[in-house]
Amino acid sequence: MKIYITTIFTFLCIAAIISCKEATRTNGSKLKIVTTTSIIADGVRQIVGDSAEVVSLMGAGIDPHLYKASQGDVAKLSNADVIVYNGLHLEGKMTTVLEKMAKNKVVIAMSDGLKTEQLIVTNASAKTLDPHIWFDAMLWKQAMQHVGYALAKVDTIHRDFYISNTKKYCLELAQLHEWTMTEISKIPTQQRLIITAHDAFSYYGRTYHIEVKGLQGISTLSDFGLNDITSLVNLIVSRNIKSVFVETSVSPKSIEALVEGCKAKNHQVSIGGSLYSDALGDFQSDQGTYIGMFQYNTTTIVNSLH
């Protein structure tokens, strides 16, 4: 998946590396942490609380597939003590810059906490891995453990606080996982099919035993055509599926075309709701946290397909 980065952005980021220094906090100053996505920012905040400053480059409702970094982002990255990003090329061209910054600055990839065999391969020949690891609560738990202990090594003054928060948060993620398993089991097997605009929910489907289909691939930049719509329309009709879903960070046009295609075959399918895929909701809302977002998505899916 790609994120468009301007030439000037890349140039300035690489130039900024010269002034970067390894971050180690042993005094009273707050650690400055920059994350790429709002989902990662929330997880980091659960660990550091008010003991560090956490800024996300991408805010609520921002689609990372279409994201264009600004010169303001350059300043944030340059001034950060620590950068936390997803990895697995979710950040596209920015990944190369972040990897170079890691030589002189603390840069943590969430996905480095996972083993390759735990990941979903989307293109075997190209060795492309699905980056949407946050849709398996247990994988996200493992990734958060990786980040939590890494931050504890950097900010030694708050080491015990970070480790304690990491353990507490990971317990909450384990409970979220069990709750989701129970909720999804309420949907009749024949009705367990999530259809969305792009294929962001493969980890969710694999872990919680529900089939997922996206009109586009793992990126919203992927194209889809009449054959893709026809294929999904036929599947919806044959399975007597009641609802399909739009995404809060993706245009609803593709799903609306799917609904119209079903109507043409005399099958009424409704839009079951908006799911959060690549970004959280507003910061002050329940969906502005990872756990709140996950619970909202699951409740929406169950209520629409049950």
C-alpha atoms as a PDB file:
ATOM      1  CA  MET A   1       0.000   0.000   0.000  1.00  0.00           C
ATOM      2  CA  LYS A   2       1.261   3.423  -0.922  1.00  0.00           C
ATOM      3  CA  ILE A   3       1.292   6.832   0.681  1.00  0.00           C
ATOM      4  CA  TYR A   4       2.204   9.671  -1.619  1.00  0.00           C
ATOM      5  CA  ILE A   5       5.226  11.564  -0.328  1.00  0.00           C
ATOM      6  CA  THR A   6       6.438  14.610  -2.178  1.00  0.00           C
ATOM      7  CA  THR A   7      10.043  14.823  -3.319  1.00  0.00           C
ATOM      8  CA  ILE A   8      10.669  17.791  -1.051  1.00  0.00           C
ATOM      9  CA  PHE A   9       9.288  15.883   1.941  1.00  0.00           C
ATOM     10  CA  THR A  10      11.657  12.961   1.374  1.00  0.00           C
ATOM     11  CA  PHE A  11      14.610  15.285   0.834  1.00  0.00           C
ATOM     12  CA  LEU A  12      13.943  17.284   3.981  1.00  0.00           C
ATOM     13  CA  CYS A  13      13.411  14.163   6.082  1.00  0.00           C
ATOM     14  CA  ILE A  14      16.727  12.678   5.004  1.00  0.00           C
ATOM     15  CA  ALA A  15      18.472  15.997   5.609  1.00  0.00           C
ATOM     16  CA  ALA A  16      16.960  16.198   9.076  1.00  0.00           C
ATOM     17  CA  ILE A  17      18.553  12.894  10.063  1.00  0.00           C
ATOM     18  CA  ILE A  18      21.898  14.633  10.489  1.00  0.00           C
ATOM     19  CA  SER A  19      20.645  16.438  13.592  1.00  0.00           C
ATOM     20  CA  CYS A  20      18.929  13.415  15.152  1.00  0.00           C
ATOM     21  CA  LYS A  21      20.315  11.924  18.338  1.00  0.00           C
ATOM     22  CA  GLU A  22      19.529   8.762  20.273  1.00  0.00           C
ATOM     23  CA  ALA A  23      16.825   9.498  22.857  1.00  0.00           C
ATOM     24  CA  THR A  24      17.385   8.499  26.452  1.00  0.00           C
ATOM     25  CA  ARG A  25      15.353  10.111  29.206  1.00  0.00           C
ATOM     26  CA  THR A  26      16.917  10.173  32.647  1.00  0.00           C
ATOM     27  CA  ASN A  27      15.806  13.702  33.600  1.00  0.00           C
ATOM     28  CA  GLY A  28      12.421  15.338  34.097  1.00  0.00           C
ATOM     29  CA  SER A  29      11.699  16.364  30.500  1.00  0.00           C
ATOM     30  CA  LYS A  30       8.866  14.650  28.671  1.00  0.00           C
ATOM     31  CA  LEU A  31       9.588  12.241  25.866  1.00  0.00           C
ATOM     32  CA  LYS A  32       8.292  13.470  22.482  1.00  0.00           C
ATOM     33  CA  ILE A  33       6.714  10.586  20.567  1.00  0.00           C
ATOM     34  CA  VAL A  34       5.379  10.857  17.015  1.00  0.00           C
ATOM     35  CA  THR A  35       3.227   8.095  15.535  1.00  0.00           C
ATOM     36  CA  THR A  36       2.034   7.701  11.976  1.00  0.00           C
ATOM     37  CA  THR A  37      -1.609   6.674  12.584  1.00  0.00           C
ATOM     38  CA  SER A  38      -4.275   7.495  15.160  1.00  0.00           C
ATOM     39  CA  ILE A  39      -4.589   3.784  16.021  1.00  0.00           C
ATOM     40  CA  ILE A  40      -0.939   3.596  17.020  1.00  0.00           C
ATOM     41  CA  ALA A  41      -1.150   6.913  18.887  1.00  0.00           C
ATOM     42  CA  ASP A  42      -3.934   5.607  21.104  1.00  0.00           C
ATOM     43  CA  GLY A  43      -1.983   2.468  21.983  1.00  0.00           C
ATOM     44  CA  VAL A  44       1.100   4.495  22.873  1.00  0.00           C
ATOM     45  CA  ARG A  45      -0.993   6.828  25.052  1.00  0.00           C
ATOM     46  CA  GLN A  46      -2.299   3.837  26.999  1.00  0.00           C
ATOM     47  CA  ILE A  47       1.316   3.034  27.872  1.00  0.00           C
ATOM     48  CA  VAL A  48       2.809   6.449  28.579  1.00  0.00           C
ATOM     49  CA  GLY A  49      -0.206   8.295  29.998  1.00  0.00           C
ATOM     50  CA  ASP A  50       0.692  11.930  30.712  1.00  0.00           C
ATOM     51  CA  SER A  51       4.381  11.131  31.124  1.00  0.00           C
ATOM     52  CA  ALA A  52       5.154  11.754  27.447  1.00  0.00           C
ATOM     53  CA  GLU A  53       3.863  13.882  24.581  1.00  0.00           C
ATOM     54  CA  VAL A  54       2.218  11.797  21.842  1.00  0.00           C
ATOM     55  CA  VAL A  55       1.400  13.244  18.415  1.00  0.00           C
ATOM     56  CA  SER A  56      -0.118  11.427  15.435  1.00  0.00           C
ATOM     57  CA  LEU A  57       0.649  12.513  11.876  1.00  0.00           C
ATOM     58  CA  MET A  58      -2.732  11.187  10.714  1.00  0.00           C
ATOM     59  CA  GLY A  59      -5.840  12.240  12.593  1.00  0.00           C
ATOM     60  CA  ALA A  60      -9.317  10.774  12.965  1.00  0.00           C
ATOM     61  CA  GLY A  61     -10.894   9.512   9.759  1.00  0.00           C
ATOM     62  CA  ILE A  62      -7.737   9.895   7.672  1.00  0.00           C
ATOM     63  CA  ASP A  63      -7.167   7.232   5.011  1.00  0.00           C
ATOM     64  CA  PRO A  64      -3.440   6.342   5.095  1.00  0.00           C
ATOM     65  CA  HIS A  65      -3.636   5.029   1.515  1.00  0.00           C
ATOM     66  CA  LEU A  66      -4.323   8.558   0.263  1.00  0.00           C
ATOM     67  CA  TYR A  67      -2.329  10.465   2.867  1.00  0.00           C
ATOM     68  CA  LYS A  68       0.051  13.180   1.711  1.00  0.00           C
ATOM     69  CA  ALA A  69       2.655  14.197   4.263  1.00  0.00           C
ATOM     70  CA  SER A  70       3.205  17.923   4.782  1.00  0.00           C
ATOM     71  CA  GLN A  71       6.243  20.004   5.653  1.00  0.00           C
ATOM     72  CA  GLY A  72       4.721  20.302   9.117  1.00  0.00           C
ATOM     73  CA  ASP A  73       5.092  16.541   9.431  1.00  0.00           C
ATOM     74  CA  VAL A  74       8.785  16.932   8.647  1.00  0.00           C
ATOM     75  CA  ALA A  75       9.201  19.180  11.668  1.00  0.00           C
ATOM     76  CA  LYS A  76       7.300  16.748  13.898  1.00  0.00           C
ATOM     77  CA  LEU A  77       9.471  13.814  12.821  1.00  0.00           C
ATOM     78  CA  SER A  78      12.675  15.827  13.158  1.00  0.00           C
ATOM     79  CA  ASN A  79      11.800  17.041  16.668  1.00  0.00           C
ATOM     80  CA  ALA A  80      10.606  13.663  17.934  1.00  0.00           C
ATOM     81  CA  ASP A  81      12.624  11.673  20.446  1.00  0.00           C
ATOM     82  CA  VAL A  82      10.825   8.500  19.328  1.00  0.00           C
ATOM     83  CA  ILE A  83       8.861   7.596  16.200  1.00  0.00           C
ATOM     84  CA  VAL A  84       6.426   4.680  16.220  1.00  0.00           C
ATOM     85  CA  TYR A  85       5.013   3.351  12.967  1.00  0.00           C
ATOM     86  CA  ASN A  86       3.131   0.272  11.785  1.00  0.00           C
ATOM     87  CA  GLY A  87       5.546  -1.184   9.265  1.00  0.00           C
ATOM     88  CA  LEU A  88       4.723  -3.794   6.595  1.00  0.00           C
ATOM     89  CA  HIS A  89       4.626  -0.873   4.136  1.00  0.00           C
ATOM     90  CA  LEU A  90       1.438   0.625   5.554  1.00  0.00           C
ATOM     91  CA  GLU A  91       3.333   3.913   5.417  1.00  0.00           C
ATOM     92  CA  GLY A  92       4.466   3.324   1.817  1.00  0.00           C
ATOM     93  CA  LYS A  93       7.413   5.447   0.707  1.00  0.00           C
ATOM     94  CA  MET A  94       7.746   6.925   4.172  1.00  0.00           C
ATOM     95  CA  THR A  95       9.068   3.548   5.337  1.00  0.00           C
ATOM     96  CA  THR A  96      12.436   4.124   3.657  1.00  0.00           C
ATOM     97  CA  VAL A  97      12.850   7.488   5.385  1.00  0.00           C
ATOM     98  CA  LEU A  98      11.909   6.036   8.775  1.00  0.00           C
ATOM     99  CA  GLU A  99      14.375   3.188   8.366  1.00  0.00           C
ATOM    100  CA  LYS A 100      17.140   5.693   7.644  1.00  0.00           C
ATOM    101  CA  MET A 101      16.141   7.790  10.647  1.00  0.00           C
ATOM    102  CA  ALA A 102      16.443   4.671  12.810  1.00  0.00           C
ATOM    103  CA  LYS A 103      20.224   4.890  12.478  1.00  0.00           C
ATOM    104  CA  ASN A 104      20.242   8.074  14.556  1.00  0.00           C
ATOM    105  CA  LYS A 105      16.867   8.201  16.291  1.00  0.00           C
ATOM    106  CA  VAL A 106      14.688   5.726  18.183  1.00  0.00           C
ATOM    107  CA  VAL A 107      12.259   4.409  15.565  1.00  0.00           C
ATOM    108  CA  ILE A 108       9.950   1.527  16.491  1.00  0.00           C
ATOM    109  CA  ALA A 109       7.962  -0.559  14.006  1.00  0.00           C
ATOM    110  CA  MET A 110       4.908  -2.197  15.579  1.00  0.00           C
ATOM    111  CA  SER A 111       5.193  -5.170  13.244  1.00  0.00           C
ATOM    112  CA  ASP A 112       8.736  -5.954  14.439  1.00  0.00           C
ATOM    113  CA  GLY A 113       7.074  -7.482  17.486  1.00  0.00           C
ATOM    114  CA  LEU A 114       5.477 -10.185  15.326  1.00  0.00           C
ATOM    115  CA  LYS A 115       6.797 -13.262  13.563  1.00  0.00           C
ATOM    116  CA  THR A 116       6.484 -13.551   9.793  1.00  0.00           C
ATOM    117  CA  GLU A 117       4.442 -16.737  10.059  1.00  0.00           C
ATOM    118  CA  GLN A 118       1.794 -14.832  12.022  1.00  0.00           C
ATOM    119  CA  LEU A 119       1.152 -12.476   9.120  1.00  0.00           C
ATOM    120  CA  ILE A 120      -1.202 -12.812   6.160  1.00  0.00           C
ATOM    121  CA  VAL A 121       0.421 -13.011   2.738  1.00  0.00           C
ATOM    122  CA  THR A 122      -1.611 -11.127   0.119  1.00  0.00           C
ATOM    123  CA  ASN A 123       0.682 -11.749  -2.843  1.00  0.00           C
ATOM    124  CA  ALA A 124       2.938 -14.788  -2.582  1.00  0.00           C
ATOM    125  CA  SER A 125       5.035 -13.954  -5.657  1.00  0.00           C
ATOM    126  CA  ALA A 126       5.670 -10.383  -4.515  1.00  0.00           C
ATOM    127  CA  LYS A 127       5.923 -11.461  -0.861  1.00  0.00           C
ATOM    128  CA  THR A 128       3.400  -8.760   0.080  1.00  0.00           C
ATOM    129  CA  LEU A 129       2.152  -8.898   3.671  1.00  0.00           C
ATOM    130  CA  ASP A 130      -1.138  -7.501   4.932  1.00  0.00           C
ATOM    131  CA  PRO A 131      -0.339  -4.566   7.264  1.00  0.00           C
ATOM    132  CA  HIS A 132      -3.753  -4.418   9.016  1.00  0.00           C
ATOM    133  CA  ILE A 133      -2.440  -6.247  12.086  1.00  0.00           C
ATOM    134  CA  TRP A 134      -4.613  -4.223  14.506  1.00  0.00           C
ATOM    135  CA  PHE A 135      -7.692  -6.220  13.490  1.00  0.00           C
ATOM    136  CA  ASP A 136      -6.460  -9.217  15.460  1.00  0.00           C
ATOM    137  CA  ALA A 137      -6.559  -8.076  19.094  1.00  0.00           C
ATOM    138  CA  MET A 138      -4.013 -10.718  20.117  1.00  0.00           C
ATOM    139  CA  LEU A 139      -1.553  -9.667  17.402  1.00  0.00           C
ATOM    140  CA  TRP A 140      -2.032  -6.067  18.494  1.00  0.00           C
ATOM    141  CA  LYS A 141      -1.403  -7.132  22.084  1.00  0.00           C
ATOM    142  CA  GLN A 142       1.901  -8.644  21.007  1.00  0.00           C
ATOM    143  CA  ALA A 143       2.803  -5.526  19.025  1.00  0.00           C
ATOM    144  CA  MET A 144       1.943  -3.311  22.002  1.00  0.00           C
ATOM    145  CA  GLN A 145       4.173  -5.402  24.266  1.00  0.00           C
ATOM    146  CA  HIS A 146       7.010  -4.807  21.818  1.00  0.00           C
ATOM    147  CA  VAL A 147       6.419  -1.045  21.873  1.00  0.00           C
ATOM    148  CA  GLY A 148       5.873  -0.827  25.617  1.00  0.00           C
ATOM    149  CA  TYR A 149       9.141  -2.501  26.535  1.00  0.00           C
ATOM    150  CA  ALA A 150      11.006  -0.511  23.885  1.00  0.00           C
ATOM    151  CA  LEU A 151       9.711   2.768  25.354  1.00  0.00           C
ATOM    152  CA  ALA A 152      10.662   1.587  28.862  1.00  0.00           C
ATOM    153  CA  LYS A 153      14.256   1.250  27.694  1.00  0.00           C
ATOM    154  CA  VAL A 154      14.241   4.783  26.301  1.00  0.00           C
ATOM    155  CA  ASP A 155      12.514   6.618  29.144  1.00  0.00           C
ATOM    156  CA  THR A 156      14.251   5.033  32.100  1.00  0.00           C
ATOM    157  CA  ILE A 157      12.731   7.442  34.617  1.00  0.00           C
ATOM    158  CA  HIS A 158       9.273   6.033  33.818  1.00  0.00           C
ATOM    159  CA  ARG A 159      10.392   2.479  33.119  1.00  0.00           C
ATOM    160  CA  ASP A 160       8.301   0.771  35.789  1.00  0.00           C
ATOM    161  CA  PHE A 161       5.272   2.952  34.988  1.00  0.00           C
ATOM    162  CA  TYR A 162       5.431   2.025  31.287  1.00  0.00           C
ATOM    163  CA  ILE A 163       5.873  -1.674  31.975  1.00  0.00           C
ATOM    164  CA  SER A 164       2.975  -1.684  34.434  1.00  0.00           C
ATOM    165  CA  ASN A 165       0.720   0.131  31.949  1.00  0.00           C
ATOM    166  CA  THR A 166       1.767  -2.218  29.158  1.00  0.00           C
ATOM    167  CA  LYS A 167       0.802  -5.271  31.203  1.00  0.00           C
ATOM    168  CA  LYS A 168      -2.528  -3.706  32.180  1.00  0.00           C
ATOM    169  CA  TYR A 169      -3.338  -2.724  28.608  1.00  0.00           C
ATOM    170  CA  CYS A 170      -2.380  -6.138  27.245  1.00  0.00           C
ATOM    171  CA  LEU A 171      -4.767  -7.742  29.724  1.00  0.00           C
ATOM    172  CA  GLU A 172      -7.539  -5.466  28.404  1.00  0.00           C
ATOM    173  CA  LEU A 173      -6.677  -6.497  24.834  1.00  0.00           C
ATOM    174  CA  ALA A 174      -6.877 -10.174  25.774  1.00  0.00           C
ATOM    175  CA  GLN A 175     -10.321  -9.536  27.278  1.00  0.00           C
ATOM    176  CA  LEU A 176     -11.343  -7.690  24.105  1.00  0.00           C
ATOM    177  CA  HIS A 177     -10.285 -10.713  22.071  1.00  0.00           C
ATOM    178  CA  GLU A 178     -12.400 -13.110  24.136  1.00  0.00           C
ATOM    179  CA  TRP A 179     -15.404 -10.770  24.036  1.00  0.00           C
ATOM    180  CA  THR A 180     -15.168 -10.506  20.238  1.00  0.00           C
ATOM    181  CA  MET A 181     -15.001 -14.289  19.842  1.00  0.00           C
ATOM    182  CA  THR A 182     -18.202 -14.609  21.864  1.00  0.00           C
ATOM    183  CA  GLU A 183     -20.027 -11.851  19.975  1.00  0.00           C
ATOM    184  CA  ILE A 184     -19.196 -13.114  16.482  1.00  0.00           C
ATOM    185  CA  SER A 185     -20.352 -16.621  17.444  1.00  0.00           C
ATOM    186  CA  LYS A 186     -23.877 -15.169  17.738  1.00  0.00           C
ATOM    187  CA  ILE A 187     -24.054 -14.711  13.957  1.00  0.00           C
ATOM    188  CA  PRO A 188     -25.446 -17.750  12.057  1.00  0.00           C
ATOM    189  CA  THR A 189     -22.648 -19.428  10.097  1.00  0.00           C
ATOM    190  CA  GLN A 190     -24.307 -18.788   6.723  1.00  0.00           C
ATOM    191  CA  GLN A 191     -24.551 -15.076   7.514  1.00  0.00           C
ATOM    192  CA  ARG A 192     -20.935 -14.622   8.601  1.00  0.00           C
ATOM    193  CA  LEU A 193     -19.762 -12.497   5.701  1.00  0.00           C
ATOM    194  CA  ILE A 194     -18.356  -8.966   5.964  1.00  0.00           C
ATOM    195  CA  ILE A 195     -18.310  -7.050   2.681  1.00  0.00           C
ATOM    196  CA  THR A 196     -16.506  -3.699   2.683  1.00  0.00           C
ATOM    197  CA  ALA A 197     -14.908  -1.260   0.255  1.00  0.00           C
ATOM    198  CA  HIS A 198     -11.346  -2.511   0.669  1.00  0.00           C
ATOM    199  CA  ASP A 199      -9.767  -5.602   2.143  1.00  0.00           C
ATOM    200  CA  ALA A 200      -8.791  -4.312   5.579  1.00  0.00           C
ATOM    201  CA  PHE A 201     -10.433  -7.000   7.699  1.00  0.00           C
ATOM    202  CA  SER A 202      -8.575 -10.206   6.755  1.00  0.00           C
ATOM    203  CA  TYR A 203      -6.943 -10.561  10.183  1.00  0.00           C
ATOM    204  CA  TYR A 204     -10.323  -9.982  11.816  1.00  0.00           C
ATOM    205  CA  GLY A 205     -11.896 -12.654   9.617  1.00  0.00           C
ATOM    206  CA  ARG A 206      -9.124 -15.183  10.206  1.00  0.00           C
ATOM    207  CA  THR A 207      -9.110 -14.746  13.962  1.00  0.00           C
ATOM    208  CA  TYR A 208     -12.828 -14.406  14.674  1.00  0.00           C
ATOM    209  CA  HIS A 209     -14.037 -16.956  12.121  1.00  0.00           C
ATOM    210  CA  ILE A 210     -15.972 -14.720   9.771  1.00  0.00           C
ATOM    211  CA  GLU A 211     -15.515 -14.472   6.007  1.00  0.00           C
ATOM    212  CA  VAL A 212     -14.484 -11.080   4.615  1.00  0.00           C
ATOM    213  CA  LYS A 213     -14.585  -9.672   1.105  1.00  0.00           C
ATOM    214  CA  GLY A 214     -13.438  -6.285  -0.169  1.00  0.00           C
ATOM    215  CA  LEU A 215     -14.200  -4.709  -3.539  1.00  0.00           C
ATOM    216  CA  GLN A 216     -10.660  -3.371  -3.619  1.00  0.00           C
ATOM    217  CA  GLY A 217      -7.456  -4.982  -2.427  1.00  0.00           C
ATOM    218  CA  ILE A 218      -5.616  -4.104   0.777  1.00  0.00           C
ATOM    219  CA  SER A 219      -5.225  -0.535  -0.475  1.00  0.00           C
ATOM    220  CA  THR A 220      -7.975   1.949  -1.333  1.00  0.00           C
ATOM    221  CA  LEU A 221      -5.772   2.919  -4.269  1.00  0.00           C
ATOM    222  CA  SER A 222      -6.544  -0.442  -5.888  1.00  0.00           C
ATOM    223  CA  ASP A 223      -8.953  -0.461  -8.815  1.00  0.00           C
ATOM    224  CA  PHE A 224     -12.162  -2.447  -9.028  1.00  0.00           C
ATOM    225  CA  GLY A 225     -14.386  -3.080 -12.025  1.00  0.00           C
ATOM    226  CA  LEU A 226     -17.745  -4.413 -13.139  1.00  0.00           C
ATOM    227  CA  ASN A 227     -16.574  -8.014 -12.760  1.00  0.00           C
ATOM    228  CA  ASP A 228     -15.673  -7.391  -9.115  1.00  0.00           C
ATOM    229  CA  ILE A 229     -19.100  -5.932  -8.404  1.00  0.00           C
ATOM    230  CA  THR A 230     -20.907  -8.716 -10.296  1.00  0.00           C
ATOM    231  CA  SER A 231     -18.994 -11.405  -8.418  1.00  0.00           C
ATOM    232  CA  LEU A 232     -19.876  -9.933  -5.029  1.00  0.00           C
ATOM    233  CA  VAL A 233     -23.496  -9.334  -6.019  1.00  0.00           C
ATOM    234  CA  ASN A 234     -23.835 -13.001  -6.934  1.00  0.00           C
ATOM    235  CA  LEU A 235     -22.273 -14.019  -3.626  1.00  0.00           C
ATOM    236  CA  ILE A 236     -24.610 -11.773  -1.618  1.00  0.00           C
ATOM    237  CA  VAL A 237     -27.682 -13.117  -3.408  1.00  0.00           C
ATOM    238  CA  SER A 238     -26.656 -16.777  -3.116  1.00  0.00           C
ATOM    239  CA  ARG A 239     -25.927 -16.416   0.610  1.00  0.00           C
ATOM    240  CA  ASN A 240     -28.962 -14.200   1.261  1.00  0.00           C
ATOM    241  CA  ILE A 241     -26.742 -11.653   2.996  1.00  0.00           C
ATOM    242  CA  LYS A 242     -28.680  -8.847   4.688  1.00  0.00           C
ATOM    243  CA  SER A 243     -26.060  -6.099   4.984  1.00  0.00           C
ATOM    244  CA  VAL A 244     -22.841  -4.702   3.567  1.00  0.00           C
ATOM    245  CA  PHE A 245     -20.633  -2.062   5.187  1.00  0.00           C
ATOM    246  CA  VAL A 246     -19.061   1.254   4.322  1.00  0.00           C
ATOM    247  CA  GLU A 247     -15.889   2.526   5.987  1.00  0.00           C
ATOM    248  CA  THR A 248     -15.457   5.821   7.802  1.00  0.00           C
ATOM    249  CA  SER A 249     -12.198   6.646   6.006  1.00  0.00           C
ATOM    250  CA  VAL A 250     -13.212   5.435   2.524  1.00  0.00           C
ATOM    251  CA  SER A 251     -15.684   6.780  -0.060  1.00  0.00           C
ATOM    252  CA  PRO A 252     -19.017   4.870   0.051  1.00  0.00           C
ATOM    253  CA  LYS A 253     -19.459   4.929  -3.748  1.00  0.00           C
ATOM    254  CA  SER A 254     -18.211   1.387  -4.358  1.00  0.00           C
ATOM    255  CA  ILE A 255     -20.520  -0.104  -1.731  1.00  0.00           C
ATOM    256  CA  GLU A 256     -23.446   1.946  -3.012  1.00  0.00           C
ATOM    257  CA  ALA A 257     -22.817   0.466  -6.467  1.00  0.00           C
ATOM    258  CA  LEU A 258     -22.929  -2.973  -4.881  1.00  0.00           C
ATOM    259  CA  VAL A 259     -26.313  -2.247  -3.276  1.00  0.00           C
ATOM    260  CA  GLU A 260     -27.691  -1.088  -6.624  1.00  0.00           C
ATOM    261  CA  GLY A 261     -26.395  -4.260  -8.273  1.00  0.00           C
ATOM    262  CA  CYS A 262     -28.277  -6.359  -5.730  1.00  0.00           C
ATOM    263  CA  LYS A 263     -31.473  -4.387  -6.319  1.00  0.00           C
ATOM    264  CA  ALA A 264     -31.189  -5.161 -10.025  1.00  0.00           C
ATOM    265  CA  LYS A 265     -31.355  -8.842  -9.054  1.00  0.00           C
ATOM    266  CA  ASN A 266     -34.366  -8.248  -6.794  1.00  0.00           C
ATOM    267  CA  HIS A 267     -32.328  -8.760  -3.648  1.00  0.00           C
ATOM    268  CA  GLN A 268     -32.600  -6.094  -0.974  1.00  0.00           C
ATOM    269  CA  VAL A 269     -29.360  -5.524   0.906  1.00  0.00           C
ATOM    270  CA  SER A 270     -28.865  -2.619   3.284  1.00  0.00           C
ATOM    271  CA  ILE A 271     -25.793  -0.712   4.406  1.00  0.00           C
ATOM    272  CA  GLY A 272     -25.343  -2.155   7.872  1.00  0.00           C
ATOM    273  CA  GLY A 273     -23.296   0.744   9.134  1.00  0.00           C
ATOM    274  CA  SER A 274     -19.903   2.413   8.926  1.00  0.00           C
ATOM    275  CA  LEU A 275     -16.897   0.451  10.122  1.00  0.00           C
ATOM    276  CA  TYR A 276     -13.627   1.953  11.260  1.00  0.00           C
ATOM    277  CA  SER A 277     -10.808   0.455   9.226  1.00  0.00           C
ATOM    278  CA  ASP A 278      -7.576   2.469   8.942  1.00  0.00           C
ATOM    279  CA  ALA A 279      -8.307   5.246  11.438  1.00  0.00           C
ATOM    280  CA  LEU A 280     -10.087   5.851  14.724  1.00  0.00           C
ATOM    281  CA  GLY A 281     -13.026   8.164  15.333  1.00  0.00           C
ATOM    282  CA  ASP A 282     -12.870  11.593  16.930  1.00  0.00           C
ATOM    283  CA  PHE A 283     -10.401  11.751  19.789  1.00  0.00           C
ATOM    284  CA  GLN A 284     -13.036  12.435  22.462  1.00  0.00           C
ATOM    285  CA  SER A 285     -15.505   9.777  21.248  1.00  0.00           C
ATOM    286  CA  ASP A 286     -15.689   6.126  22.315  1.00  0.00           C
ATOM    287  CA  GLN A 287     -14.470   5.218  18.844  1.00  0.00           C
ATOM    288  CA  GLY A 288     -11.460   7.467  19.416  1.00  0.00           C
ATOM    289  CA  THR A 289      -9.733   4.593  21.239  1.00  0.00           C
ATOM    290  CA  TYR A 290      -8.602   1.300  19.786  1.00  0.00           C
ATOM    291  CA  ILE A 291     -10.727  -0.771  22.167  1.00  0.00           C
ATOM    292  CA  GLY A 292     -13.761   1.471  21.633  1.00  0.00           C
ATOM    293  CA  MET A 293     -13.340   1.241  17.864  1.00  0.00           C
ATOM    294  CA  PHE A 294     -12.983  -2.541  17.977  1.00  0.00           C
ATOM    295  CA  GLN A 295     -16.080  -2.933  20.145  1.00  0.00           C
ATOM    296  CA  TYR A 296     -18.085  -0.572  17.948  1.00  0.00           C
ATOM    297  CA  ASN A 297     -17.122  -2.466  14.784  1.00  0.00           C
ATOM    298  CA  THR A 298     -17.981  -5.827  16.308  1.00  0.00           C
ATOM    299  CA  THR A 299     -21.318  -4.635  17.684  1.00  0.00           C
ATOM    300  CA  THR A 300     -22.206  -3.096  14.312  1.00  0.00           C
ATOM    301  CA  ILE A 301     -21.313  -6.293  12.461  1.00  0.00           C
ATOM    302  CA  VAL A 302     -23.246  -8.557  14.837  1.00  0.00           C
ATOM    303  CA  ASN A 303     -26.352  -6.348  14.893  1.00  0.00           C
ATOM    304  CA  SER A 304     -26.397  -6.148  11.091  1.00  0.00           C
ATOM    305  CA  LEU A 305     -25.748  -9.800  10.274  1.00  0.00           C
ATOM    306  CA  HIS A 306     -27.434 -11.593  13.197  1.00  0.00           C
END
